[in-house]
Amino acid sequence: MNFESAARSSTIGLWVALVLSLLAWVFAGYPWFICLLAALPLLAPLNGLLRGRRHTYAWATLFSILYLVFALTELLVNPAARWVAALSLLLVFAWFCTMILFLRASREHRG
């Protein structure tokens, strides 16, 4: 497995983990429909991520910033949700980083 496919696989795995972490906000006291509404926009980049489209990876990095801000805000202001906010923050940051790694690795091959 080359670096590009490893970064792509990691991105997909972290996408799944991030969706699950957003659904886990139920355990911090959030209503289930709010958790579902928070996770639904993550379906937008899924097709492009699965197909390895560089354009999708590029805009999904910007898209991930919304989730980063949400998790960071909840981590700082909501003591009841700190554990799930920390988990979501870690996952969204890792997801962001793996998308950047994929973009860098795929640039070398298609350059």
PDB file of N, CA and C in Angstrom:
ATOM      1  N   MET A   1       0.856  -1.182   0.000  1.00  0.00           N
ATOM      2  CA  MET A   1       0.000   0.000   0.000  1.00  0.00           C
ATOM      3  C   MET A   1       0.893   1.234   0.000  1.00  0.00           C
ATOM      4  N   ASN A   2       0.675   2.125  -0.964  1.00  0.00           N
ATOM      5  CA  ASN A   2       1.481   3.337  -1.017  1.00  0.00           C
ATOM      6  C   ASN A   2       0.910   4.406  -0.076  1.00  0.00           C
ATOM      7  N   PHE A   3       1.649   5.486   0.044  1.00  0.00           N
ATOM      8  CA  PHE A   3       1.270   6.537   0.991  1.00  0.00           C
ATOM      9  C   PHE A   3      -0.058   7.184   0.626  1.00  0.00           C
ATOM     10  N   GLU A   4      -0.299   7.365  -0.671  1.00  0.00           N
ATOM     11  CA  GLU A   4      -1.551   7.987  -1.115  1.00  0.00           C
ATOM     12  C   GLU A   4      -2.762   7.147  -0.706  1.00  0.00           C
ATOM     13  N   SER A   5      -2.700   5.856  -0.945  1.00  0.00           N
ATOM     14  CA  SER A   5      -3.845   5.005  -0.589  1.00  0.00           C
ATOM     15  C   SER A   5      -3.971   4.849   0.923  1.00  0.00           C
ATOM     16  N   ALA A   6      -2.852   4.901   1.642  1.00  0.00           N
ATOM     17  CA  ALA A   6      -2.919   4.852   3.108  1.00  0.00           C
ATOM     18  C   ALA A   6      -3.589   6.108   3.656  1.00  0.00           C
ATOM     19  N   ALA A   7      -3.254   7.253   3.097  1.00  0.00           N
ATOM     20  CA  ALA A   7      -3.880   8.509   3.533  1.00  0.00           C
ATOM     21  C   ALA A   7      -5.359   8.507   3.179  1.00  0.00           C
ATOM     22  N   ARG A   8      -5.695   7.979   2.024  1.00  0.00           N
ATOM     23  CA  ARG A   8      -7.104   7.911   1.615  1.00  0.00           C
ATOM     24  C   ARG A   8      -7.890   6.974   2.526  1.00  0.00           C
ATOM     25  N   SER A   9      -7.332   5.816   2.839  1.00  0.00           N
ATOM     26  CA  SER A   9      -7.998   4.872   3.746  1.00  0.00           C
ATOM     27  C   SER A   9      -8.165   5.464   5.141  1.00  0.00           C
ATOM     28  N   SER A  10      -7.137   6.153   5.604  1.00  0.00           N
ATOM     29  CA  SER A  10      -7.212   6.793   6.923  1.00  0.00           C
ATOM     30  C   SER A  10      -8.286   7.875   6.940  1.00  0.00           C
ATOM     31  N   THR A  11      -8.386   8.621   5.849  1.00  0.00           N
ATOM     32  CA  THR A  11      -9.401   9.661   5.754  1.00  0.00           C
ATOM     33  C   THR A  11     -10.797   9.074   5.850  1.00  0.00           C
ATOM     34  N   ILE A  12     -11.028   7.977   5.145  1.00  0.00           N
ATOM     35  CA  ILE A  12     -12.349   7.337   5.173  1.00  0.00           C
ATOM     36  C   ILE A  12     -12.643   6.788   6.566  1.00  0.00           C
ATOM     37  N   GLY A  13     -11.654   6.149   7.187  1.00  0.00           N
ATOM     38  CA  GLY A  13     -11.843   5.626   8.540  1.00  0.00           C
ATOM     39  C   GLY A  13     -12.135   6.716   9.548  1.00  0.00           C
ATOM     40  N   LEU A  14     -11.429   7.823   9.430  1.00  0.00           N
ATOM     41  CA  LEU A  14     -11.663   8.939  10.348  1.00  0.00           C
ATOM     42  C   LEU A  14     -12.996   9.613  10.066  1.00  0.00           C
ATOM     43  N   TRP A  15     -13.437   9.611   8.814  1.00  0.00           N
ATOM     44  CA  TRP A  15     -14.760  10.143   8.491  1.00  0.00           C
ATOM     45  C   TRP A  15     -15.831   9.338   9.225  1.00  0.00           C
ATOM     46  N   VAL A  16     -15.707   8.010   9.174  1.00  0.00           N
ATOM     47  CA  VAL A  16     -16.667   7.135   9.866  1.00  0.00           C
ATOM     48  C   VAL A  16     -16.625   7.401  11.373  1.00  0.00           C
ATOM     49  N   ALA A  17     -15.423   7.489  11.936  1.00  0.00           N
ATOM     50  CA  ALA A  17     -15.281   7.733  13.370  1.00  0.00           C
ATOM     51  C   ALA A  17     -15.863   9.092  13.756  1.00  0.00           C
ATOM     52  N   LEU A  18     -15.689  10.096  12.915  1.00  0.00           N
ATOM     53  CA  LEU A  18     -16.233  11.420  13.200  1.00  0.00           C
ATOM     54  C   LEU A  18     -17.759  11.397  13.196  1.00  0.00           C
ATOM     55  N   VAL A  19     -18.346  10.716  12.225  1.00  0.00           N
ATOM     56  CA  VAL A  19     -19.812  10.597  12.190  1.00  0.00           C
ATOM     57  C   VAL A  19     -20.309   9.907  13.462  1.00  0.00           C
ATOM     58  N   LEU A  20     -19.643   8.842  13.854  1.00  0.00           N
ATOM     59  CA  LEU A  20     -20.041   8.133  15.080  1.00  0.00           C
ATOM     60  C   LEU A  20     -19.869   9.008  16.318  1.00  0.00           C
ATOM     61  N   SER A  21     -18.810   9.814  16.344  1.00  0.00           N
ATOM     62  CA  SER A  21     -18.614  10.699  17.505  1.00  0.00           C
ATOM     63  C   SER A  21     -19.696  11.767  17.567  1.00  0.00           C
ATOM     64  N   LEU A  22     -20.162  12.238  16.414  1.00  0.00           N
ATOM     65  CA  LEU A  22     -21.253  13.221  16.419  1.00  0.00           C
ATOM     66  C   LEU A  22     -22.547  12.587  16.901  1.00  0.00           C
ATOM     67  N   LEU A  23     -22.756  11.337  16.553  1.00  0.00           N
ATOM     68  CA  LEU A  23     -23.934  10.636  17.055  1.00  0.00           C
ATOM     69  C   LEU A  23     -23.815  10.337  18.549  1.00  0.00           C
ATOM     70  N   ALA A  24     -22.588  10.252  19.058  1.00  0.00           N
ATOM     71  CA  ALA A  24     -22.364   9.989  20.480  1.00  0.00           C
ATOM     72  C   ALA A  24     -22.698  11.177  21.361  1.00  0.00           C
ATOM     73  N   TRP A  25     -22.960  12.342  20.759  1.00  0.00           N
ATOM     74  CA  TRP A  25     -23.347  13.500  21.556  1.00  0.00           C
ATOM     75  C   TRP A  25     -24.660  13.260  22.291  1.00  0.00           C
ATOM     76  N   VAL A  26     -25.385  12.242  21.892  1.00  0.00           N
ATOM     77  CA  VAL A  26     -26.615  11.852  22.603  1.00  0.00           C
ATOM     78  C   VAL A  26     -26.285  11.549  24.058  1.00  0.00           C
ATOM     79  N   PHE A  27     -25.148  10.915  24.291  1.00  0.00           N
ATOM     80  CA  PHE A  27     -24.749  10.536  25.655  1.00  0.00           C
ATOM     81  C   PHE A  27     -24.333  11.735  26.502  1.00  0.00           C
ATOM     82  N   ALA A  28     -24.133  12.885  25.865  1.00  0.00           N
ATOM     83  CA  ALA A  28     -23.808  14.107  26.598  1.00  0.00           C
ATOM     84  C   ALA A  28     -25.058  14.946  26.848  1.00  0.00           C
ATOM     85  N   GLY A  29     -26.219  14.415  26.463  1.00  0.00           N
ATOM     86  CA  GLY A  29     -27.463  15.105  26.749  1.00  0.00           C
ATOM     87  C   GLY A  29     -28.100  15.822  25.579  1.00  0.00           C
ATOM     88  N   TYR A  30     -27.519  15.735  24.407  1.00  0.00           N
ATOM     89  CA  TYR A  30     -28.110  16.376  23.231  1.00  0.00           C
ATOM     90  C   TYR A  30     -29.221  15.499  22.684  1.00  0.00           C
ATOM     91  N   PRO A  31     -30.279  16.092  22.143  1.00  0.00           N
ATOM     92  CA  PRO A  31     -31.342  15.287  21.525  1.00  0.00           C
ATOM     93  C   PRO A  31     -30.807  14.543  20.298  1.00  0.00           C
ATOM     94  N   TRP A  32     -31.339  13.358  20.048  1.00  0.00           N
ATOM     95  CA  TRP A  32     -30.837  12.523  18.959  1.00  0.00           C
ATOM     96  C   TRP A  32     -31.000  13.184  17.598  1.00  0.00           C
ATOM     97  N   PHE A  33     -32.072  13.951  17.402  1.00  0.00           N
ATOM     98  CA  PHE A  33     -32.273  14.568  16.084  1.00  0.00           C
ATOM     99  C   PHE A  33     -31.269  15.687  15.827  1.00  0.00           C
ATOM    100  N   ILE A  34     -30.806  16.344  16.875  1.00  0.00           N
ATOM    101  CA  ILE A  34     -29.749  17.357  16.721  1.00  0.00           C
ATOM    102  C   ILE A  34     -28.446  16.675  16.327  1.00  0.00           C
ATOM    103  N   CYS A  35     -28.153  15.541  16.950  1.00  0.00           N
ATOM    104  CA  CYS A  35     -26.943  14.784  16.612  1.00  0.00           C
ATOM    105  C   CYS A  35     -26.998  14.295  15.175  1.00  0.00           C
ATOM    106  N   LEU A  36     -28.165  13.835  14.768  1.00  0.00           N
ATOM    107  CA  LEU A  36     -28.336  13.376  13.398  1.00  0.00           C
ATOM    108  C   LEU A  36     -28.197  14.537  12.414  1.00  0.00           C
ATOM    109  N   LEU A  37     -28.771  15.683  12.744  1.00  0.00           N
ATOM    110  CA  LEU A  37     -28.642  16.863  11.887  1.00  0.00           C
ATOM    111  C   LEU A  37     -27.195  17.335  11.781  1.00  0.00           C
ATOM    112  N   ALA A  38     -26.438  17.174  12.852  1.00  0.00           N
ATOM    113  CA  ALA A  38     -25.027  17.560  12.825  1.00  0.00           C
ATOM    114  C   ALA A  38     -24.207  16.620  11.946  1.00  0.00           C
ATOM    115  N   ALA A  39     -24.593  15.357  11.906  1.00  0.00           N
ATOM    116  CA  ALA A  39     -23.839  14.369  11.128  1.00  0.00           C
ATOM    117  C   ALA A  39     -24.229  14.349   9.654  1.00  0.00           C
ATOM    118  N   LEU A  40     -25.449  14.733   9.326  1.00  0.00           N
ATOM    119  CA  LEU A  40     -25.924  14.656   7.942  1.00  0.00           C
ATOM    120  C   LEU A  40     -25.082  15.439   6.927  1.00  0.00           C
ATOM    121  N   PRO A  41     -24.610  16.653   7.226  1.00  0.00           N
ATOM    122  CA  PRO A  41     -23.798  17.362   6.233  1.00  0.00           C
ATOM    123  C   PRO A  41     -22.506  16.633   5.861  1.00  0.00           C
ATOM    124  N   LEU A  42     -22.059  15.727   6.718  1.00  0.00           N
ATOM    125  CA  LEU A  42     -20.847  14.979   6.395  1.00  0.00           C
ATOM    126  C   LEU A  42     -21.054  13.999   5.242  1.00  0.00           C
ATOM    127  N   LEU A  43     -22.301  13.788   4.857  1.00  0.00           N
ATOM    128  CA  LEU A  43     -22.564  12.947   3.684  1.00  0.00           C
ATOM    129  C   LEU A  43     -22.168  13.655   2.385  1.00  0.00           C
ATOM    130  N   ALA A  44     -22.118  14.979   2.400  1.00  0.00           N
ATOM    131  CA  ALA A  44     -21.812  15.756   1.190  1.00  0.00           C
ATOM    132  C   ALA A  44     -20.475  15.368   0.555  1.00  0.00           C
ATOM    133  N   PRO A  45     -19.392  15.267   1.303  1.00  0.00           N
ATOM    134  CA  PRO A  45     -18.126  14.925   0.646  1.00  0.00           C
ATOM    135  C   PRO A  45     -17.878  13.416   0.495  1.00  0.00           C
ATOM    136  N   LEU A  46     -18.754  12.587   0.988  1.00  0.00           N
ATOM    137  CA  LEU A  46     -18.467  11.145   1.038  1.00  0.00           C
ATOM    138  C   LEU A  46     -18.182  10.536  -0.330  1.00  0.00           C
ATOM    139  N   ASN A  47     -18.981  10.824  -1.326  1.00  0.00           N
ATOM    140  CA  ASN A  47     -18.774  10.240  -2.650  1.00  0.00           C
ATOM    141  C   ASN A  47     -17.389  10.596  -3.210  1.00  0.00           C
ATOM    142  N   GLY A  48     -17.031  11.865  -3.120  1.00  0.00           N
ATOM    143  CA  GLY A  48     -15.722  12.302  -3.616  1.00  0.00           C
ATOM    144  C   GLY A  48     -14.565  11.738  -2.807  1.00  0.00           C
ATOM    145  N   LEU A  49     -14.764  11.591  -1.505  1.00  0.00           N
ATOM    146  CA  LEU A  49     -13.715  11.001  -0.678  1.00  0.00           C
ATOM    147  C   LEU A  49     -13.492   9.540  -1.057  1.00  0.00           C
ATOM    148  N   LEU A  50     -14.578   8.820  -1.268  1.00  0.00           N
ATOM    149  CA  LEU A  50     -14.465   7.408  -1.635  1.00  0.00           C
ATOM    150  C   LEU A  50     -13.811   7.225  -3.004  1.00  0.00           C
ATOM    151  N   ARG A  51     -14.053   8.145  -3.907  1.00  0.00           N
ATOM    152  CA  ARG A  51     -13.495   8.048  -5.259  1.00  0.00           C
ATOM    153  C   ARG A  51     -12.107   8.675  -5.383  1.00  0.00           C
ATOM    154  N   GLY A  52     -11.640   9.310  -4.319  1.00  0.00           N
ATOM    155  CA  GLY A  52     -10.310   9.907  -4.340  1.00  0.00           C
ATOM    156  C   GLY A  52     -10.206  11.167  -5.177  1.00  0.00           C
ATOM    157  N   ARG A  53     -11.242  11.935  -5.231  1.00  0.00           N
ATOM    158  CA  ARG A  53     -11.241  13.180  -6.017  1.00  0.00           C
ATOM    159  C   ARG A  53     -10.547  14.287  -5.233  1.00  0.00           C
ATOM    160  N   ARG A  54      -9.477  14.787  -5.808  1.00  0.00           N
ATOM    161  CA  ARG A  54      -8.681  15.825  -5.135  1.00  0.00           C
ATOM    162  C   ARG A  54      -9.512  17.070  -4.826  1.00  0.00           C
ATOM    163  N   HIS A  55     -10.394  17.447  -5.717  1.00  0.00           N
ATOM    164  CA  HIS A  55     -11.215  18.641  -5.495  1.00  0.00           C
ATOM    165  C   HIS A  55     -12.079  18.479  -4.243  1.00  0.00           C
ATOM    166  N   THR A  56     -12.645  17.303  -4.054  1.00  0.00           N
ATOM    167  CA  THR A  56     -13.460  17.048  -2.860  1.00  0.00           C
ATOM    168  C   THR A  56     -12.614  17.112  -1.602  1.00  0.00           C
ATOM    169  N   TYR A  57     -11.427  16.517  -1.652  1.00  0.00           N
ATOM    170  CA  TYR A  57     -10.540  16.567  -0.491  1.00  0.00           C
ATOM    171  C   TYR A  57     -10.169  18.010  -0.162  1.00  0.00           C
ATOM    172  N   ALA A  58      -9.995  18.833  -1.182  1.00  0.00           N
ATOM    173  CA  ALA A  58      -9.625  20.228  -0.959  1.00  0.00           C
ATOM    174  C   ALA A  58     -10.742  20.998  -0.264  1.00  0.00           C
ATOM    175  N   TRP A  59     -11.979  20.892  -0.785  1.00  0.00           N
ATOM    176  CA  TRP A  59     -13.040  21.664  -0.138  1.00  0.00           C
ATOM    177  C   TRP A  59     -13.479  21.036   1.171  1.00  0.00           C
ATOM    178  N   ALA A  60     -13.303  19.731   1.340  1.00  0.00           N
ATOM    179  CA  ALA A  60     -13.678  19.089   2.604  1.00  0.00           C
ATOM    180  C   ALA A  60     -12.787  19.550   3.754  1.00  0.00           C
ATOM    181  N   THR A  61     -11.554  19.966   3.449  1.00  0.00           N
ATOM    182  CA  THR A  61     -10.704  20.508   4.523  1.00  0.00           C
ATOM    183  C   THR A  61     -11.320  21.790   5.074  1.00  0.00           C
ATOM    184  N   LEU A  62     -11.852  22.624   4.190  1.00  0.00           N
ATOM    185  CA  LEU A  62     -12.527  23.844   4.643  1.00  0.00           C
ATOM    186  C   LEU A  62     -13.827  23.511   5.372  1.00  0.00           C
ATOM    187  N   PHE A  63     -14.522  22.526   4.880  1.00  0.00           N
ATOM    188  CA  PHE A  63     -15.774  22.053   5.474  1.00  0.00           C
ATOM    189  C   PHE A  63     -15.554  21.546   6.902  1.00  0.00           C
ATOM    190  N   SER A  64     -14.407  20.912   7.132  1.00  0.00           N
ATOM    191  CA  SER A  64     -14.120  20.339   8.451  1.00  0.00           C
ATOM    192  C   SER A  64     -13.916  21.402   9.523  1.00  0.00           C
ATOM    193  N   ILE A  65     -13.590  22.603   9.111  1.00  0.00           N
ATOM    194  CA  ILE A  65     -13.346  23.677  10.080  1.00  0.00           C
ATOM    195  C   ILE A  65     -14.609  23.984  10.891  1.00  0.00           C
ATOM    196  N   LEU A  66     -15.783  23.856  10.275  1.00  0.00           N
ATOM    197  CA  LEU A  66     -17.033  24.071  11.012  1.00  0.00           C
ATOM    198  C   LEU A  66     -17.152  23.094  12.182  1.00  0.00           C
ATOM    199  N   TYR A  67     -16.799  21.847  11.949  1.00  0.00           N
ATOM    200  CA  TYR A  67     -16.865  20.840  13.000  1.00  0.00           C
ATOM    201  C   TYR A  67     -15.768  21.064  14.044  1.00  0.00           C
ATOM    202  N   LEU A  68     -14.630  21.549  13.602  1.00  0.00           N
ATOM    203  CA  LEU A  68     -13.541  21.867  14.526  1.00  0.00           C
ATOM    204  C   LEU A  68     -13.954  22.983  15.480  1.00  0.00           C
ATOM    205  N   VAL A  69     -14.579  24.022  14.943  1.00  0.00           N
ATOM    206  CA  VAL A  69     -15.032  25.150  15.765  1.00  0.00           C
ATOM    207  C   VAL A  69     -16.121  24.706  16.736  1.00  0.00           C
ATOM    208  N   PHE A  70     -17.054  23.903  16.264  1.00  0.00           N
ATOM    209  CA  PHE A  70     -18.120  23.412  17.134  1.00  0.00           C
ATOM    210  C   PHE A  70     -17.552  22.595  18.294  1.00  0.00           C
ATOM    211  N   ALA A  71     -16.661  21.662  17.995  1.00  0.00           N
ATOM    212  CA  ALA A  71     -16.100  20.806  19.045  1.00  0.00           C
ATOM    213  C   ALA A  71     -15.264  21.628  20.034  1.00  0.00           C
ATOM    214  N   LEU A  72     -14.483  22.561  19.525  1.00  0.00           N
ATOM    215  CA  LEU A  72     -13.669  23.398  20.406  1.00  0.00           C
ATOM    216  C   LEU A  72     -14.539  24.266  21.304  1.00  0.00           C
ATOM    217  N   THR A  73     -15.598  24.835  20.757  1.00  0.00           N
ATOM    218  CA  THR A  73     -16.516  25.661  21.546  1.00  0.00           C
ATOM    219  C   THR A  73     -17.162  24.848  22.657  1.00  0.00           C
ATOM    220  N   GLU A  74     -17.666  23.670  22.306  1.00  0.00           N
ATOM    221  CA  GLU A  74     -18.306  22.815  23.309  1.00  0.00           C
ATOM    222  C   GLU A  74     -17.303  22.343  24.363  1.00  0.00           C
ATOM    223  N   LEU A  75     -16.085  22.096  23.961  1.00  0.00           N
ATOM    224  CA  LEU A  75     -15.051  21.682  24.908  1.00  0.00           C
ATOM    225  C   LEU A  75     -14.807  22.774  25.946  1.00  0.00           C
ATOM    226  N   LEU A  76     -14.836  24.016  25.506  1.00  0.00           N
ATOM    227  CA  LEU A  76     -14.543  25.125  26.410  1.00  0.00           C
ATOM    228  C   LEU A  76     -15.726  25.552  27.272  1.00  0.00           C
ATOM    229  N   VAL A  77     -16.958  25.449  26.765  1.00  0.00           N
ATOM    230  CA  VAL A  77     -18.087  26.039  27.489  1.00  0.00           C
ATOM    231  C   VAL A  77     -19.075  25.042  28.084  1.00  0.00           C
ATOM    232  N   ASN A  78     -18.985  23.778  27.721  1.00  0.00           N
ATOM    233  CA  ASN A  78     -19.979  22.813  28.179  1.00  0.00           C
ATOM    234  C   ASN A  78     -19.312  21.684  28.966  1.00  0.00           C
ATOM    235  N   PRO A  79     -19.260  21.822  30.288  1.00  0.00           N
ATOM    236  CA  PRO A  79     -18.590  20.796  31.097  1.00  0.00           C
ATOM    237  C   PRO A  79     -19.210  19.404  30.957  1.00  0.00           C
ATOM    238  N   ALA A  80     -20.504  19.318  30.717  1.00  0.00           N
ATOM    239  CA  ALA A  80     -21.164  18.017  30.603  1.00  0.00           C
ATOM    240  C   ALA A  80     -20.762  17.281  29.331  1.00  0.00           C
ATOM    241  N   ALA A  81     -20.303  18.017  28.334  1.00  0.00           N
ATOM    242  CA  ALA A  81     -19.981  17.404  27.048  1.00  0.00           C
ATOM    243  C   ALA A  81     -18.487  17.396  26.748  1.00  0.00           C
ATOM    244  N   ARG A  82     -17.662  17.661  27.742  1.00  0.00           N
ATOM    245  CA  ARG A  82     -16.223  17.779  27.476  1.00  0.00           C
ATOM    246  C   ARG A  82     -15.610  16.501  26.918  1.00  0.00           C
ATOM    247  N   TRP A  83     -16.029  15.354  27.424  1.00  0.00           N
ATOM    248  CA  TRP A  83     -15.417  14.108  26.956  1.00  0.00           C
ATOM    249  C   TRP A  83     -15.746  13.843  25.489  1.00  0.00           C
ATOM    250  N   VAL A  84     -16.987  14.076  25.087  1.00  0.00           N
ATOM    251  CA  VAL A  84     -17.358  13.836  23.693  1.00  0.00           C
ATOM    252  C   VAL A  84     -16.840  14.959  22.800  1.00  0.00           C
ATOM    253  N   ALA A  85     -16.742  16.159  23.326  1.00  0.00           N
ATOM    254  CA  ALA A  85     -16.180  17.274  22.561  1.00  0.00           C
ATOM    255  C   ALA A  85     -14.692  17.045  22.308  1.00  0.00           C
ATOM    256  N   ALA A  86     -13.988  16.547  23.308  1.00  0.00           N
ATOM    257  CA  ALA A  86     -12.564  16.252  23.126  1.00  0.00           C
ATOM    258  C   ALA A  86     -12.365  15.151  22.087  1.00  0.00           C
ATOM    259  N   LEU A  87     -13.200  14.136  22.140  1.00  0.00           N
ATOM    260  CA  LEU A  87     -13.123  13.057  21.156  1.00  0.00           C
ATOM    261  C   LEU A  87     -13.412  13.587  19.751  1.00  0.00           C
ATOM    262  N   SER A  88     -14.462  14.361  19.608  1.00  0.00           N
ATOM    263  CA  SER A  88     -14.806  14.924  18.304  1.00  0.00           C
ATOM    264  C   SER A  88     -13.718  15.862  17.797  1.00  0.00           C
ATOM    265  N   LEU A  89     -13.153  16.652  18.685  1.00  0.00           N
ATOM    266  CA  LEU A  89     -12.083  17.571  18.301  1.00  0.00           C
ATOM    267  C   LEU A  89     -10.867  16.801  17.794  1.00  0.00           C
ATOM    268  N   LEU A  90     -10.495  15.767  18.499  1.00  0.00           N
ATOM    269  CA  LEU A  90      -9.366  14.940  18.080  1.00  0.00           C
ATOM    270  C   LEU A  90      -9.632  14.299  16.717  1.00  0.00           C
ATOM    271  N   LEU A  91     -10.826  13.768  16.532  1.00  0.00           N
ATOM    272  CA  LEU A  91     -11.157  13.096  15.276  1.00  0.00           C
ATOM    273  C   LEU A  91     -11.242  14.060  14.103  1.00  0.00           C
ATOM    274  N   VAL A  92     -11.844  15.221  14.304  1.00  0.00           N
ATOM    275  CA  VAL A  92     -11.956  16.166  13.191  1.00  0.00           C
ATOM    276  C   VAL A  92     -10.581  16.720  12.824  1.00  0.00           C
ATOM    277  N   PHE A  93      -9.718  16.914  13.797  1.00  0.00           N
ATOM    278  CA  PHE A  93      -8.365  17.391  13.496  1.00  0.00           C
ATOM    279  C   PHE A  93      -7.576  16.316  12.746  1.00  0.00           C
ATOM    280  N   ALA A  94      -7.711  15.069  13.170  1.00  0.00           N
ATOM    281  CA  ALA A  94      -7.038  13.973  12.471  1.00  0.00           C
ATOM    282  C   ALA A  94      -7.586  13.818  11.055  1.00  0.00           C
ATOM    283  N   TRP A  95      -8.903  13.965  10.897  1.00  0.00           N
ATOM    284  CA  TRP A  95      -9.525  13.884   9.573  1.00  0.00           C
ATOM    285  C   TRP A  95      -8.975  14.982   8.660  1.00  0.00           C
ATOM    286  N   PHE A  96      -8.880  16.193   9.194  1.00  0.00           N
ATOM    287  CA  PHE A  96      -8.318  17.318   8.454  1.00  0.00           C
ATOM    288  C   PHE A  96      -6.889  17.007   8.008  1.00  0.00           C
ATOM    289  N   CYS A  97      -6.087  16.505   8.934  1.00  0.00           N
ATOM    290  CA  CYS A  97      -4.683  16.212   8.620  1.00  0.00           C
ATOM    291  C   CYS A  97      -4.530  15.123   7.569  1.00  0.00           C
ATOM    292  N   THR A  98      -5.345  14.076   7.650  1.00  0.00           N
ATOM    293  CA  THR A  98      -5.235  13.012   6.648  1.00  0.00           C
ATOM    294  C   THR A  98      -5.690  13.488   5.268  1.00  0.00           C
ATOM    295  N   MET A  99      -6.648  14.404   5.221  1.00  0.00           N
ATOM    296  CA  MET A  99      -7.040  14.950   3.916  1.00  0.00           C
ATOM    297  C   MET A  99      -5.892  15.764   3.316  1.00  0.00           C
ATOM    298  N   ILE A 100      -5.202  16.524   4.144  1.00  0.00           N
ATOM    299  CA  ILE A 100      -4.042  17.288   3.669  1.00  0.00           C
ATOM    300  C   ILE A 100      -2.952  16.333   3.192  1.00  0.00           C
ATOM    301  N   LEU A 101      -2.713  15.255   3.959  1.00  0.00           N
ATOM    302  CA  LEU A 101      -1.706  14.272   3.548  1.00  0.00           C
ATOM    303  C   LEU A 101      -2.070  13.635   2.207  1.00  0.00           C
ATOM    304  N   PHE A 102      -3.350  13.316   2.012  1.00  0.00           N
ATOM    305  CA  PHE A 102      -3.772  12.756   0.730  1.00  0.00           C
ATOM    306  C   PHE A 102      -3.527  13.748  -0.402  1.00  0.00           C
ATOM    307  N   LEU A 103      -3.860  15.011  -0.188  1.00  0.00           N
ATOM    308  CA  LEU A 103      -3.663  16.021  -1.226  1.00  0.00           C
ATOM    309  C   LEU A 103      -2.186  16.160  -1.591  1.00  0.00           C
ATOM    310  N   ARG A 104      -1.337  16.115  -0.602  1.00  0.00           N
ATOM    311  CA  ARG A 104       0.103  16.212  -0.878  1.00  0.00           C
ATOM    312  C   ARG A 104       0.622  14.976  -1.594  1.00  0.00           C
ATOM    313  N   ALA A 105       0.192  13.818  -1.159  1.00  0.00           N
ATOM    314  CA  ALA A 105       0.660  12.569  -1.777  1.00  0.00           C
ATOM    315  C   ALA A 105       0.132  12.415  -3.200  1.00  0.00           C
ATOM    316  N   SER A 106      -1.093  12.808  -3.447  1.00  0.00           N
ATOM    317  CA  SER A 106      -1.676  12.636  -4.773  1.00  0.00           C
ATOM    318  C   SER A 106      -1.139  13.689  -5.757  1.00  0.00           C
ATOM    319  N   ARG A 107      -0.688  14.796  -5.253  1.00  0.00           N
ATOM    320  CA  ARG A 107      -0.108  15.840  -6.117  1.00  0.00           C
ATOM    321  C   ARG A 107       1.163  15.327  -6.794  1.00  0.00           C
ATOM    322  N   GLU A 108       1.958  14.568  -6.080  1.00  0.00           N
ATOM    323  CA  GLU A 108       3.219  14.067  -6.621  1.00  0.00           C
ATOM    324  C   GLU A 108       2.991  13.129  -7.792  1.00  0.00           C
ATOM    325  N   HIS A 109       1.940  12.328  -7.729  1.00  0.00           N
ATOM    326  CA  HIS A 109       1.687  11.344  -8.771  1.00  0.00           C
ATOM    327  C   HIS A 109       1.000  11.924  -9.993  1.00  0.00           C
ATOM    328  N   ARG A 110       0.243  12.992  -9.802  1.00  0.00           N
ATOM    329  CA  ARG A 110      -0.538  13.547 -10.905  1.00  0.00           C
ATOM    330  C   ARG A 110       0.067  14.825 -11.467  1.00  0.00           C
ATOM    331  N   GLY A 111       1.102  15.341 -10.786  1.00  0.00           N
ATOM    332  CA  GLY A 111       1.731  16.584 -11.053  1.00  0.00           C
ATOM    333  C   GLY A 111       1.938  16.997 -12.425  1.00  0.00           C
TER     334      GLY A 111
END
